[in-house]
Amino acid sequence: MKKYLFLTIALLIGVIAILTYQLNTTSNKWKTAEANVKAYAEELSENKNKNTALQLSVNQLKYFNDSVLVALNDTRTQLKIKDKNLKALQSVKSSFTRTDTITVTDTLFRNPTLNIDTTLQDKNQWYTMNLKLIYPSTIITTPYFKSDKHIIAFTKKETVNPPKKFFLLRWFQKKHKVLNIEVVEHNPYVTEQSSKYVEIIK
């Protein structure tokens, strides 16, 4: 009788443990879903100064057809970053423009009816120039550039000390995981000057 009682108690403890694990897993998934709903809501809102991170698994990243997520995944695939090493992805799209007006005292154009307003742009529209020529001597330029940066964070195993020249010796060197950040700018006219990423150690 005691044997059956012991087995029943053990079975009940096992069932409770499984149900507790499933409850925690479901709760975590619900919290993640809530965070993602909030992130998408903020993306659709007019407040562009605040962003909430999406929380996705690698499989979800590959599955979603969102154009930004597809582009980010394509970039990390081109960088040959493995699924297990991927930590975070970010897309930053921005643009900048300004207008300059040049007016000289001499007459530049002879035709009094001259009023040219034209736009020049490259094939992929990374760069656009609006040019205005107005009689007698006014030139107005409005250049426009757009930037599309992909920022990929991933881990990579590296030797703690400088790597040995002989490959067999490198196998036995102590290694640790290092967080790497790749910044990929897709606009061919933009040159990355510097970037810095700081990881806070707790």
N, C-alpha and C. Protein backbone atom coordinates (compact mmCIF):
# COMPACT_ATOMS: atom_id res chain seq x y z
N MET A 1 0.83 -1.22 0.00
CA MET A 1 0.00 0.00 0.00
C MET A 1 0.86 1.26 0.00
N LYS A 2 1.92 1.21 0.83
CA LYS A 2 2.83 2.35 0.90
C LYS A 2 3.51 2.58 -0.45
N LYS A 3 3.79 1.45 -1.14
CA LYS A 3 4.45 1.53 -2.45
C LYS A 3 3.57 2.30 -3.43
N TYR A 4 2.27 1.96 -3.47
CA TYR A 4 1.34 2.64 -4.38
C TYR A 4 1.16 4.11 -4.00
N LEU A 5 1.15 4.38 -2.71
CA LEU A 5 1.03 5.76 -2.24
C LEU A 5 2.24 6.57 -2.66
N PHE A 6 3.42 5.97 -2.54
CA PHE A 6 4.66 6.65 -2.95
C PHE A 6 4.66 6.94 -4.45
N LEU A 7 4.23 5.93 -5.25
CA LEU A 7 4.17 6.10 -6.70
C LEU A 7 3.16 7.18 -7.09
N THR A 8 2.02 7.22 -6.39
CA THR A 8 1.00 8.23 -6.67
C THR A 8 1.52 9.63 -6.38
N ILE A 9 2.21 9.77 -5.23
CA ILE A 9 2.76 11.08 -4.85
C ILE A 9 3.82 11.51 -5.86
N ALA A 10 4.68 10.55 -6.27
CA ALA A 10 5.74 10.84 -7.25
C ALA A 10 5.13 11.25 -8.58
N LEU A 11 4.05 10.55 -8.98
CA LEU A 11 3.36 10.88 -10.23
C LEU A 11 2.75 12.27 -10.16
N LEU A 12 2.12 12.59 -9.02
CA LEU A 12 1.51 13.91 -8.85
C LEU A 12 2.57 15.01 -8.89
N ILE A 13 3.71 14.77 -8.25
CA ILE A 13 4.80 15.76 -8.27
C ILE A 13 5.31 15.96 -9.70
N GLY A 14 5.41 14.84 -10.44
CA GLY A 14 5.85 14.93 -11.84
C GLY A 14 4.88 15.71 -12.69
N VAL A 15 3.58 15.46 -12.51
CA VAL A 15 2.53 16.18 -13.26
C VAL A 15 2.56 17.66 -12.93
N ILE A 16 2.70 17.97 -11.63
CA ILE A 16 2.77 19.38 -11.20
C ILE A 16 3.98 20.07 -11.81
N ALA A 17 5.12 19.36 -11.85
CA ALA A 17 6.34 19.94 -12.42
C ALA A 17 6.17 20.23 -13.91
N ILE A 18 5.56 19.28 -14.62
CA ILE A 18 5.33 19.45 -16.07
C ILE A 18 4.37 20.61 -16.31
N LEU A 19 3.28 20.66 -15.53
CA LEU A 19 2.30 21.74 -15.70
C LEU A 19 2.90 23.11 -15.36
N THR A 20 3.76 23.14 -14.34
CA THR A 20 4.43 24.41 -13.98
C THR A 20 5.35 24.86 -15.10
N TYR A 21 6.09 23.91 -15.70
CA TYR A 21 6.98 24.24 -16.81
C TYR A 21 6.18 24.77 -18.00
N GLN A 22 5.06 24.07 -18.32
CA GLN A 22 4.23 24.51 -19.45
C GLN A 22 3.62 25.88 -19.19
N LEU A 23 3.22 26.13 -17.93
CA LEU A 23 2.65 27.42 -17.57
C LEU A 23 3.69 28.53 -17.75
N ASN A 24 4.91 28.29 -17.28
CA ASN A 24 5.99 29.29 -17.42
C ASN A 24 6.31 29.54 -18.89
N THR A 25 6.36 28.46 -19.69
CA THR A 25 6.64 28.59 -21.13
C THR A 25 5.56 29.40 -21.81
N THR A 26 4.29 29.08 -21.51
CA THR A 26 3.17 29.81 -22.10
C THR A 26 3.18 31.27 -21.66
N SER A 27 3.50 31.51 -20.39
CA SER A 27 3.56 32.87 -19.88
C SER A 27 4.63 33.68 -20.58
N ASN A 28 5.80 33.08 -20.80
CA ASN A 28 6.89 33.76 -21.50
C ASN A 28 6.52 34.07 -22.95
N LYS A 29 5.84 33.10 -23.60
CA LYS A 29 5.41 33.33 -24.99
C LYS A 29 4.38 34.46 -25.04
N TRP A 30 3.48 34.50 -24.05
CA TRP A 30 2.47 35.56 -24.01
C TRP A 30 3.13 36.92 -23.82
N LYS A 31 4.13 37.00 -22.91
CA LYS A 31 4.83 38.26 -22.68
C LYS A 31 5.57 38.72 -23.94
N THR A 32 6.18 37.76 -24.65
CA THR A 32 6.87 38.08 -25.90
C THR A 32 5.89 38.59 -26.95
N ALA A 33 4.74 37.92 -27.05
CA ALA A 33 3.71 38.35 -28.01
C ALA A 33 3.20 39.75 -27.68
N GLU A 34 3.00 40.03 -26.40
CA GLU A 34 2.55 41.36 -25.97
C GLU A 34 3.59 42.42 -26.33
N ALA A 35 4.87 42.10 -26.11
CA ALA A 35 5.94 43.05 -26.44
C ALA A 35 5.99 43.31 -27.94
N ASN A 36 5.78 42.27 -28.74
CA ASN A 36 5.80 42.43 -30.20
C ASN A 36 4.60 43.24 -30.70
N VAL A 37 3.44 43.02 -30.09
CA VAL A 37 2.25 43.83 -30.45
C VAL A 37 2.53 45.30 -30.16
N LYS A 38 3.14 45.57 -29.01
CA LYS A 38 3.48 46.95 -28.63
C LYS A 38 4.49 47.54 -29.63
N ALA A 39 5.48 46.73 -30.02
CA ALA A 39 6.50 47.21 -30.96
C ALA A 39 5.88 47.56 -32.30
N TYR A 40 4.98 46.70 -32.81
CA TYR A 40 4.32 46.98 -34.09
C TYR A 40 3.39 48.19 -33.98
N ALA A 41 2.72 48.34 -32.84
CA ALA A 41 1.83 49.49 -32.63
C ALA A 41 2.63 50.79 -32.67
N GLU A 42 3.80 50.79 -32.04
CA GLU A 42 4.64 51.99 -32.04
C GLU A 42 5.19 52.27 -33.44
N GLU A 43 5.46 51.20 -34.20
CA GLU A 43 5.95 51.37 -35.57
C GLU A 43 4.89 52.04 -36.44
N LEU A 44 3.63 51.70 -36.20
CA LEU A 44 2.54 52.27 -36.99
C LEU A 44 2.11 53.65 -36.50
N SER A 45 2.52 54.03 -35.29
CA SER A 45 2.14 55.33 -34.75
C SER A 45 2.98 56.43 -35.39
N GLU A 46 2.61 57.66 -35.08
CA GLU A 46 3.32 58.81 -35.66
C GLU A 46 4.56 59.18 -34.86
N ASN A 47 4.75 58.57 -33.70
CA ASN A 47 5.92 58.87 -32.87
C ASN A 47 7.12 58.08 -33.38
N LYS A 48 7.98 58.75 -34.13
CA LYS A 48 9.14 58.09 -34.74
C LYS A 48 10.37 58.14 -33.83
N ASN A 49 10.24 58.79 -32.68
CA ASN A 49 11.39 58.92 -31.77
C ASN A 49 11.48 57.77 -30.77
N LYS A 50 10.50 56.89 -30.77
CA LYS A 50 10.49 55.79 -29.82
C LYS A 50 10.33 54.48 -30.55
N ASN A 51 11.19 53.51 -30.22
CA ASN A 51 11.12 52.19 -30.82
C ASN A 51 11.19 51.13 -29.74
N THR A 52 10.37 50.10 -29.88
CA THR A 52 10.43 48.94 -29.01
C THR A 52 10.93 47.76 -29.83
N ALA A 53 11.87 47.00 -29.29
CA ALA A 53 12.48 45.91 -30.04
C ALA A 53 11.50 44.75 -30.21
N LEU A 54 11.50 44.19 -31.42
CA LEU A 54 10.76 42.96 -31.66
C LEU A 54 11.55 41.81 -31.05
N GLN A 55 10.84 40.82 -30.51
CA GLN A 55 11.50 39.65 -29.92
C GLN A 55 11.12 38.44 -30.77
N LEU A 56 12.07 37.99 -31.59
CA LEU A 56 11.80 36.89 -32.52
C LEU A 56 12.85 35.80 -32.37
N SER A 57 12.45 34.58 -32.66
CA SER A 57 13.43 33.50 -32.78
C SER A 57 14.01 33.55 -34.19
N VAL A 58 15.08 32.82 -34.43
CA VAL A 58 15.68 32.80 -35.77
C VAL A 58 14.70 32.22 -36.77
N ASN A 59 13.94 31.20 -36.36
CA ASN A 59 12.95 30.59 -37.26
C ASN A 59 11.85 31.58 -37.62
N GLN A 60 11.42 32.40 -36.64
CA GLN A 60 10.41 33.43 -36.93
C GLN A 60 10.97 34.48 -37.87
N LEU A 61 12.24 34.84 -37.67
CA LEU A 61 12.90 35.82 -38.54
C LEU A 61 12.88 35.34 -39.99
N LYS A 62 13.14 34.05 -40.18
CA LYS A 62 13.16 33.48 -41.54
C LYS A 62 11.76 33.35 -42.12
N TYR A 63 10.77 33.17 -41.23
CA TYR A 63 9.41 32.90 -41.69
C TYR A 63 8.66 34.16 -42.12
N PHE A 64 8.84 35.26 -41.36
CA PHE A 64 8.06 36.48 -41.63
C PHE A 64 8.42 37.09 -42.99
N ASN A 65 7.39 37.62 -43.66
CA ASN A 65 7.58 38.24 -44.98
C ASN A 65 7.71 39.75 -44.91
N ASP A 66 7.89 40.30 -43.72
CA ASP A 66 8.09 41.74 -43.57
C ASP A 66 9.33 42.14 -44.37
N SER A 67 9.22 43.14 -45.23
CA SER A 67 10.31 43.50 -46.14
C SER A 67 11.59 43.88 -45.41
N VAL A 68 11.46 44.57 -44.27
CA VAL A 68 12.65 44.96 -43.50
C VAL A 68 13.33 43.74 -42.90
N LEU A 69 12.53 42.81 -42.34
CA LEU A 69 13.10 41.60 -41.75
C LEU A 69 13.76 40.73 -42.81
N VAL A 70 13.15 40.65 -43.98
CA VAL A 70 13.74 39.87 -45.08
C VAL A 70 15.08 40.47 -45.50
N ALA A 71 15.14 41.80 -45.60
CA ALA A 71 16.39 42.48 -45.98
C ALA A 71 17.47 42.27 -44.92
N LEU A 72 17.09 42.37 -43.63
CA LEU A 72 18.05 42.15 -42.55
C LEU A 72 18.59 40.72 -42.58
N ASN A 73 17.70 39.77 -42.80
CA ASN A 73 18.13 38.37 -42.85
C ASN A 73 19.03 38.11 -44.05
N ASP A 74 18.75 38.77 -45.17
CA ASP A 74 19.61 38.64 -46.36
C ASP A 74 21.01 39.18 -46.07
N THR A 75 21.07 40.31 -45.36
CA THR A 75 22.37 40.90 -45.02
C THR A 75 23.18 39.97 -44.13
N ARG A 76 22.55 39.42 -43.10
CA ARG A 76 23.30 38.54 -42.18
C ARG A 76 23.69 37.24 -42.88
N THR A 77 22.89 36.79 -43.87
CA THR A 77 23.25 35.61 -44.65
C THR A 77 24.48 35.90 -45.51
N GLN A 78 24.53 37.10 -46.11
CA GLN A 78 25.70 37.50 -46.90
C GLN A 78 26.95 37.60 -46.04
N LEU A 79 26.78 37.98 -44.77
CA LEU A 79 27.92 38.06 -43.84
C LEU A 79 28.30 36.69 -43.28
N LYS A 80 27.52 35.65 -43.65
CA LYS A 80 27.78 34.27 -43.22
C LYS A 80 27.78 34.12 -41.70
N ILE A 81 26.78 34.75 -41.07
CA ILE A 81 26.63 34.64 -39.61
C ILE A 81 25.67 33.49 -39.31
N LYS A 82 26.13 32.53 -38.52
CA LYS A 82 25.34 31.35 -38.20
C LYS A 82 24.18 31.71 -37.27
N ASP A 83 23.13 30.89 -37.36
CA ASP A 83 21.93 31.11 -36.53
C ASP A 83 22.28 31.17 -35.05
N LYS A 84 23.11 30.23 -34.59
CA LYS A 84 23.40 30.14 -33.16
C LYS A 84 24.21 31.32 -32.63
N ASN A 85 24.89 32.05 -33.53
CA ASN A 85 25.71 33.19 -33.11
C ASN A 85 24.99 34.53 -33.20
N LEU A 86 23.83 34.53 -33.84
CA LEU A 86 23.10 35.78 -34.06
C LEU A 86 22.49 36.30 -32.76
N LYS A 87 22.71 37.58 -32.45
CA LYS A 87 22.20 38.18 -31.22
C LYS A 87 21.14 39.24 -31.47
N ALA A 88 21.35 40.10 -32.43
CA ALA A 88 20.39 41.18 -32.69
C ALA A 88 20.59 41.74 -34.09
N LEU A 89 19.51 42.30 -34.64
CA LEU A 89 19.56 42.95 -35.95
C LEU A 89 18.84 44.28 -35.84
N GLN A 90 19.32 45.26 -36.58
CA GLN A 90 18.67 46.57 -36.57
C GLN A 90 18.74 47.19 -37.96
N SER A 91 17.66 47.80 -38.35
CA SER A 91 17.60 48.55 -39.61
C SER A 91 17.40 50.02 -39.29
N VAL A 92 18.27 50.86 -39.84
CA VAL A 92 18.17 52.30 -39.61
C VAL A 92 18.09 53.00 -40.97
N LYS A 93 16.92 53.57 -41.25
CA LYS A 93 16.73 54.30 -42.50
C LYS A 93 16.63 55.79 -42.18
N SER A 94 17.39 56.58 -42.90
CA SER A 94 17.37 58.03 -42.68
C SER A 94 17.62 58.74 -44.00
N SER A 95 17.38 60.03 -43.99
CA SER A 95 17.64 60.84 -45.19
C SER A 95 18.05 62.23 -44.75
N PHE A 96 18.74 62.91 -45.64
CA PHE A 96 19.11 64.28 -45.33
C PHE A 96 19.10 65.11 -46.61
N THR A 97 18.75 66.38 -46.43
CA THR A 97 18.65 67.29 -47.57
C THR A 97 18.87 68.72 -47.08
N ARG A 98 19.22 69.58 -47.98
CA ARG A 98 19.30 71.02 -47.69
C ARG A 98 19.20 71.77 -49.01
N THR A 99 18.81 73.02 -48.91
CA THR A 99 18.66 73.85 -50.11
C THR A 99 19.65 75.01 -50.06
N ASP A 100 20.37 75.19 -51.15
CA ASP A 100 21.31 76.31 -51.28
C ASP A 100 20.89 77.18 -52.46
N THR A 101 20.91 78.48 -52.22
CA THR A 101 20.58 79.44 -53.28
C THR A 101 21.80 80.29 -53.59
N ILE A 102 22.16 80.33 -54.86
CA ILE A 102 23.30 81.13 -55.31
C ILE A 102 22.76 82.25 -56.21
N THR A 103 23.03 83.47 -55.81
CA THR A 103 22.62 84.62 -56.62
C THR A 103 23.84 85.51 -56.81
N VAL A 104 24.17 85.80 -58.06
CA VAL A 104 25.33 86.65 -58.36
C VAL A 104 24.85 87.97 -58.97
N THR A 105 25.70 88.96 -58.92
CA THR A 105 25.32 90.28 -59.45
C THR A 105 25.32 90.31 -60.95
N ASP A 106 26.18 89.54 -61.58
CA ASP A 106 26.22 89.50 -63.05
C ASP A 106 25.08 88.65 -63.58
N THR A 107 24.70 88.93 -64.81
CA THR A 107 23.66 88.14 -65.47
C THR A 107 24.27 86.83 -65.97
N LEU A 108 23.72 85.74 -65.52
CA LEU A 108 24.21 84.43 -65.95
C LEU A 108 23.43 83.88 -67.14
N PHE A 109 22.14 84.24 -67.20
CA PHE A 109 21.28 83.70 -68.24
C PHE A 109 20.73 84.84 -69.11
N ARG A 110 20.72 84.64 -70.37
CA ARG A 110 20.29 85.69 -71.29
C ARG A 110 18.79 85.71 -71.53
N ASN A 111 18.15 84.56 -71.42
CA ASN A 111 16.73 84.46 -71.73
C ASN A 111 15.89 84.93 -70.54
N PRO A 112 15.13 86.04 -70.68
CA PRO A 112 14.32 86.58 -69.56
C PRO A 112 13.22 85.62 -69.09
N THR A 113 12.83 84.68 -69.95
CA THR A 113 11.76 83.75 -69.57
C THR A 113 12.30 82.45 -68.95
N LEU A 114 13.61 82.43 -68.76
CA LEU A 114 14.23 81.20 -68.24
C LEU A 114 13.73 80.87 -66.83
N ASN A 115 13.22 79.68 -66.67
CA ASN A 115 12.79 79.18 -65.35
C ASN A 115 12.82 77.64 -65.41
N ILE A 116 14.00 77.11 -65.24
CA ILE A 116 14.18 75.65 -65.34
C ILE A 116 14.09 75.02 -63.95
N ASP A 117 13.31 73.99 -63.85
CA ASP A 117 13.16 73.23 -62.60
C ASP A 117 13.24 71.75 -62.97
N THR A 118 14.37 71.13 -62.67
CA THR A 118 14.58 69.74 -63.09
C THR A 118 15.17 68.93 -61.93
N THR A 119 15.02 67.63 -62.03
CA THR A 119 15.52 66.72 -61.00
C THR A 119 16.44 65.68 -61.62
N LEU A 120 17.61 65.54 -61.02
CA LEU A 120 18.58 64.53 -61.46
C LEU A 120 18.67 63.47 -60.37
N GLN A 121 18.74 62.21 -60.77
CA GLN A 121 18.86 61.17 -59.77
C GLN A 121 19.58 59.95 -60.34
N ASP A 122 20.14 59.14 -59.42
CA ASP A 122 20.83 57.94 -59.89
C ASP A 122 19.81 56.82 -60.07
N LYS A 123 20.28 55.69 -60.55
CA LYS A 123 19.40 54.59 -60.92
C LYS A 123 18.57 54.08 -59.74
N ASN A 124 19.19 53.94 -58.58
CA ASN A 124 18.50 53.38 -57.41
C ASN A 124 17.94 54.44 -56.47
N GLN A 125 18.00 55.69 -56.89
CA GLN A 125 17.46 56.82 -56.13
C GLN A 125 18.09 56.98 -54.75
N TRP A 126 19.36 56.62 -54.63
CA TRP A 126 20.09 56.90 -53.39
C TRP A 126 20.39 58.39 -53.28
N TYR A 127 20.49 59.01 -54.44
CA TYR A 127 20.83 60.44 -54.48
C TYR A 127 19.92 61.12 -55.49
N THR A 128 19.35 62.26 -55.07
CA THR A 128 18.49 63.05 -55.94
C THR A 128 18.91 64.51 -55.83
N MET A 129 18.94 65.20 -56.95
CA MET A 129 19.28 66.62 -56.97
C MET A 129 18.20 67.40 -57.70
N ASN A 130 17.55 68.32 -56.98
CA ASN A 130 16.62 69.22 -57.63
C ASN A 130 17.37 70.51 -57.97
N LEU A 131 17.35 70.89 -59.24
CA LEU A 131 18.10 72.05 -59.72
C LEU A 131 17.15 73.06 -60.36
N LYS A 132 17.28 74.30 -59.91
CA LYS A 132 16.47 75.38 -60.47
C LYS A 132 17.39 76.47 -61.01
N LEU A 133 17.10 76.91 -62.22
CA LEU A 133 17.82 78.03 -62.84
C LEU A 133 16.80 79.11 -63.15
N ILE A 134 17.00 80.30 -62.57
CA ILE A 134 16.02 81.38 -62.71
C ILE A 134 16.73 82.64 -63.22
N TYR A 135 16.16 83.22 -64.27
CA TYR A 135 16.70 84.48 -64.84
C TYR A 135 16.62 85.58 -63.78
N PRO A 136 17.65 86.43 -63.64
CA PRO A 136 18.84 86.52 -64.50
C PRO A 136 20.06 85.77 -63.96
N SER A 137 20.06 85.48 -62.63
CA SER A 137 21.33 84.95 -62.09
C SER A 137 21.14 84.15 -60.80
N THR A 138 20.07 83.35 -60.76
CA THR A 138 19.81 82.58 -59.54
C THR A 138 19.89 81.08 -59.84
N ILE A 139 20.63 80.39 -58.99
CA ILE A 139 20.73 78.93 -59.06
C ILE A 139 20.34 78.37 -57.69
N ILE A 140 19.40 77.45 -57.69
CA ILE A 140 18.94 76.83 -56.44
C ILE A 140 19.18 75.32 -56.54
N THR A 141 19.89 74.77 -55.58
CA THR A 141 20.14 73.33 -55.56
C THR A 141 19.59 72.72 -54.27
N THR A 142 18.96 71.57 -54.41
CA THR A 142 18.44 70.83 -53.26
C THR A 142 18.85 69.36 -53.40
N PRO A 143 20.00 69.00 -52.85
CA PRO A 143 20.40 67.59 -52.90
C PRO A 143 19.68 66.79 -51.81
N TYR A 144 19.43 65.53 -52.11
CA TYR A 144 18.75 64.64 -51.16
C TYR A 144 19.45 63.29 -51.18
N PHE A 145 19.86 62.82 -50.00
CA PHE A 145 20.47 61.50 -49.86
C PHE A 145 19.63 60.66 -48.92
N LYS A 146 19.55 59.37 -49.19
CA LYS A 146 18.92 58.48 -48.23
C LYS A 146 19.93 57.41 -47.81
N SER A 147 19.83 57.03 -46.56
CA SER A 147 20.75 56.05 -45.98
C SER A 147 19.96 54.84 -45.50
N ASP A 148 20.52 53.67 -45.71
CA ASP A 148 19.89 52.43 -45.25
C ASP A 148 20.98 51.57 -44.61
N LYS A 149 21.03 51.61 -43.27
CA LYS A 149 22.05 50.86 -42.53
C LYS A 149 21.44 49.60 -41.92
N HIS A 150 22.19 48.52 -42.00
CA HIS A 150 21.85 47.29 -41.30
C HIS A 150 22.93 47.04 -40.25
N ILE A 151 22.51 46.89 -39.00
CA ILE A 151 23.44 46.66 -37.89
C ILE A 151 23.18 45.26 -37.35
N ILE A 152 24.20 44.41 -37.42
CA ILE A 152 24.08 43.01 -37.02
C ILE A 152 25.00 42.75 -35.84
N ALA A 153 24.44 42.24 -34.73
CA ALA A 153 25.24 41.87 -33.56
C ALA A 153 25.31 40.35 -33.49
N PHE A 154 26.52 39.83 -33.31
CA PHE A 154 26.70 38.38 -33.26
C PHE A 154 27.92 38.04 -32.41
N THR A 155 27.96 36.82 -31.94
CA THR A 155 29.10 36.37 -31.13
C THR A 155 30.06 35.56 -32.00
N LYS A 156 31.31 35.58 -31.58
CA LYS A 156 32.33 34.83 -32.31
C LYS A 156 33.37 34.35 -31.30
N LYS A 157 33.79 33.09 -31.43
CA LYS A 157 34.81 32.57 -30.53
C LYS A 157 36.19 33.03 -30.98
N GLU A 158 36.90 33.63 -30.04
CA GLU A 158 38.27 34.09 -30.32
C GLU A 158 39.17 33.66 -29.17
N THR A 159 40.46 33.56 -29.46
CA THR A 159 41.41 33.21 -28.42
C THR A 159 41.57 34.37 -27.44
N VAL A 160 41.71 34.02 -26.15
CA VAL A 160 41.88 35.05 -25.12
C VAL A 160 43.18 35.81 -25.36
N ASN A 161 44.24 35.09 -25.59
CA ASN A 161 45.54 35.69 -25.92
C ASN A 161 45.70 35.72 -27.44
N PRO A 162 46.66 36.49 -27.95
CA PRO A 162 46.87 36.51 -29.40
C PRO A 162 47.04 35.09 -29.96
N PRO A 163 46.38 34.79 -31.09
CA PRO A 163 46.41 33.42 -31.62
C PRO A 163 47.83 33.00 -32.03
N LYS A 164 48.12 31.72 -31.76
CA LYS A 164 49.41 31.16 -32.17
C LYS A 164 49.46 31.04 -33.68
N LYS A 165 50.64 31.11 -34.24
CA LYS A 165 50.80 31.02 -35.69
C LYS A 165 50.50 29.61 -36.19
N PHE A 166 50.91 28.60 -35.42
CA PHE A 166 50.71 27.21 -35.85
C PHE A 166 49.29 26.78 -35.49
N PHE A 167 48.52 26.26 -36.45
CA PHE A 167 47.09 26.00 -36.24
C PHE A 167 46.83 24.95 -35.16
N LEU A 168 47.72 23.96 -34.99
CA LEU A 168 47.51 22.95 -33.96
C LEU A 168 47.57 23.55 -32.56
N LEU A 169 48.45 24.50 -32.38
CA LEU A 169 48.57 25.18 -31.08
C LEU A 169 47.34 26.04 -30.80
N ARG A 170 46.74 26.60 -31.88
CA ARG A 170 45.54 27.43 -31.71
C ARG A 170 44.37 26.59 -31.17
N TRP A 171 44.33 25.30 -31.52
CA TRP A 171 43.24 24.44 -31.05
C TRP A 171 43.20 24.35 -29.53
N PHE A 172 44.36 24.42 -28.89
CA PHE A 172 44.44 24.23 -27.44
C PHE A 172 44.48 25.55 -26.67
N GLN A 173 44.38 26.66 -27.37
CA GLN A 173 44.35 27.95 -26.68
C GLN A 173 42.97 28.19 -26.08
N LYS A 174 42.97 28.84 -24.94
CA LYS A 174 41.70 29.18 -24.27
C LYS A 174 40.94 30.20 -25.12
N LYS A 175 39.64 29.95 -25.28
CA LYS A 175 38.80 30.83 -26.11
C LYS A 175 37.65 31.39 -25.30
N HIS A 176 37.15 32.51 -25.77
CA HIS A 176 35.95 33.11 -25.17
C HIS A 176 35.10 33.71 -26.28
N LYS A 177 33.83 33.96 -25.95
CA LYS A 177 32.92 34.53 -26.94
C LYS A 177 33.03 36.05 -26.92
N VAL A 178 33.18 36.63 -28.11
CA VAL A 178 33.30 38.08 -28.25
C VAL A 178 32.10 38.58 -29.05
N LEU A 179 31.49 39.67 -28.56
CA LEU A 179 30.36 40.26 -29.27
C LEU A 179 30.88 41.15 -30.39
N ASN A 180 30.47 40.88 -31.62
CA ASN A 180 30.88 41.67 -32.78
C ASN A 180 29.69 42.43 -33.34
N ILE A 181 29.96 43.61 -33.87
CA ILE A 181 28.92 44.43 -34.50
C ILE A 181 29.35 44.74 -35.93
N GLU A 182 28.50 44.38 -36.88
CA GLU A 182 28.75 44.70 -38.29
C GLU A 182 27.76 45.78 -38.72
N VAL A 183 28.27 46.86 -39.27
CA VAL A 183 27.41 47.94 -39.79
C VAL A 183 27.54 47.94 -41.31
N VAL A 184 26.45 47.67 -41.99
CA VAL A 184 26.44 47.60 -43.46
C VAL A 184 25.61 48.77 -43.99
N GLU A 185 26.25 49.68 -44.70
CA GLU A 185 25.56 50.82 -45.32
C GLU A 185 25.33 50.48 -46.79
N HIS A 186 24.07 50.52 -47.21
CA HIS A 186 23.72 50.13 -48.58
C HIS A 186 23.85 51.27 -49.58
N ASN A 187 23.86 52.52 -49.11
CA ASN A 187 24.03 53.64 -50.03
C ASN A 187 25.50 53.73 -50.42
N PRO A 188 25.81 53.58 -51.71
CA PRO A 188 27.22 53.60 -52.14
C PRO A 188 27.89 54.95 -51.97
N TYR A 189 27.11 56.02 -51.76
CA TYR A 189 27.69 57.36 -51.62
C TYR A 189 28.02 57.71 -50.17
N VAL A 190 27.57 56.88 -49.23
CA VAL A 190 27.79 57.15 -47.81
C VAL A 190 28.98 56.33 -47.33
N THR A 191 29.92 56.99 -46.69
CA THR A 191 31.09 56.32 -46.13
C THR A 191 30.99 56.36 -44.61
N GLU A 192 31.09 55.19 -43.99
CA GLU A 192 31.03 55.11 -42.53
C GLU A 192 32.32 55.66 -41.95
N GLN A 193 32.21 56.71 -41.13
CA GLN A 193 33.39 57.33 -40.53
C GLN A 193 33.82 56.61 -39.27
N SER A 194 32.87 56.41 -38.36
CA SER A 194 33.20 55.69 -37.12
C SER A 194 31.90 55.23 -36.47
N SER A 195 32.01 54.19 -35.67
CA SER A 195 30.87 53.71 -34.91
C SER A 195 31.39 53.04 -33.65
N LYS A 196 30.59 53.08 -32.61
CA LYS A 196 31.01 52.49 -31.34
C LYS A 196 29.82 51.83 -30.68
N TYR A 197 30.05 50.65 -30.15
CA TYR A 197 29.01 49.92 -29.44
C TYR A 197 29.55 49.55 -28.07
N VAL A 198 28.80 49.86 -27.04
CA VAL A 198 29.24 49.58 -25.68
C VAL A 198 28.31 48.55 -25.06
N GLU A 199 28.86 47.45 -24.57
CA GLU A 199 28.08 46.46 -23.86
C GLU A 199 28.30 46.64 -22.36
N ILE A 200 27.22 46.79 -21.62
CA ILE A 200 27.30 46.99 -20.18
C ILE A 200 27.48 45.65 -19.49
N ILE A 201 28.52 45.51 -18.70
CA ILE A 201 28.79 44.28 -17.96
C ILE A 201 28.18 44.40 -16.57
N LYS A 202 27.35 43.42 -16.19
CA LYS A 202 26.68 43.45 -14.88
C LYS A 202 27.43 42.56 -13.89
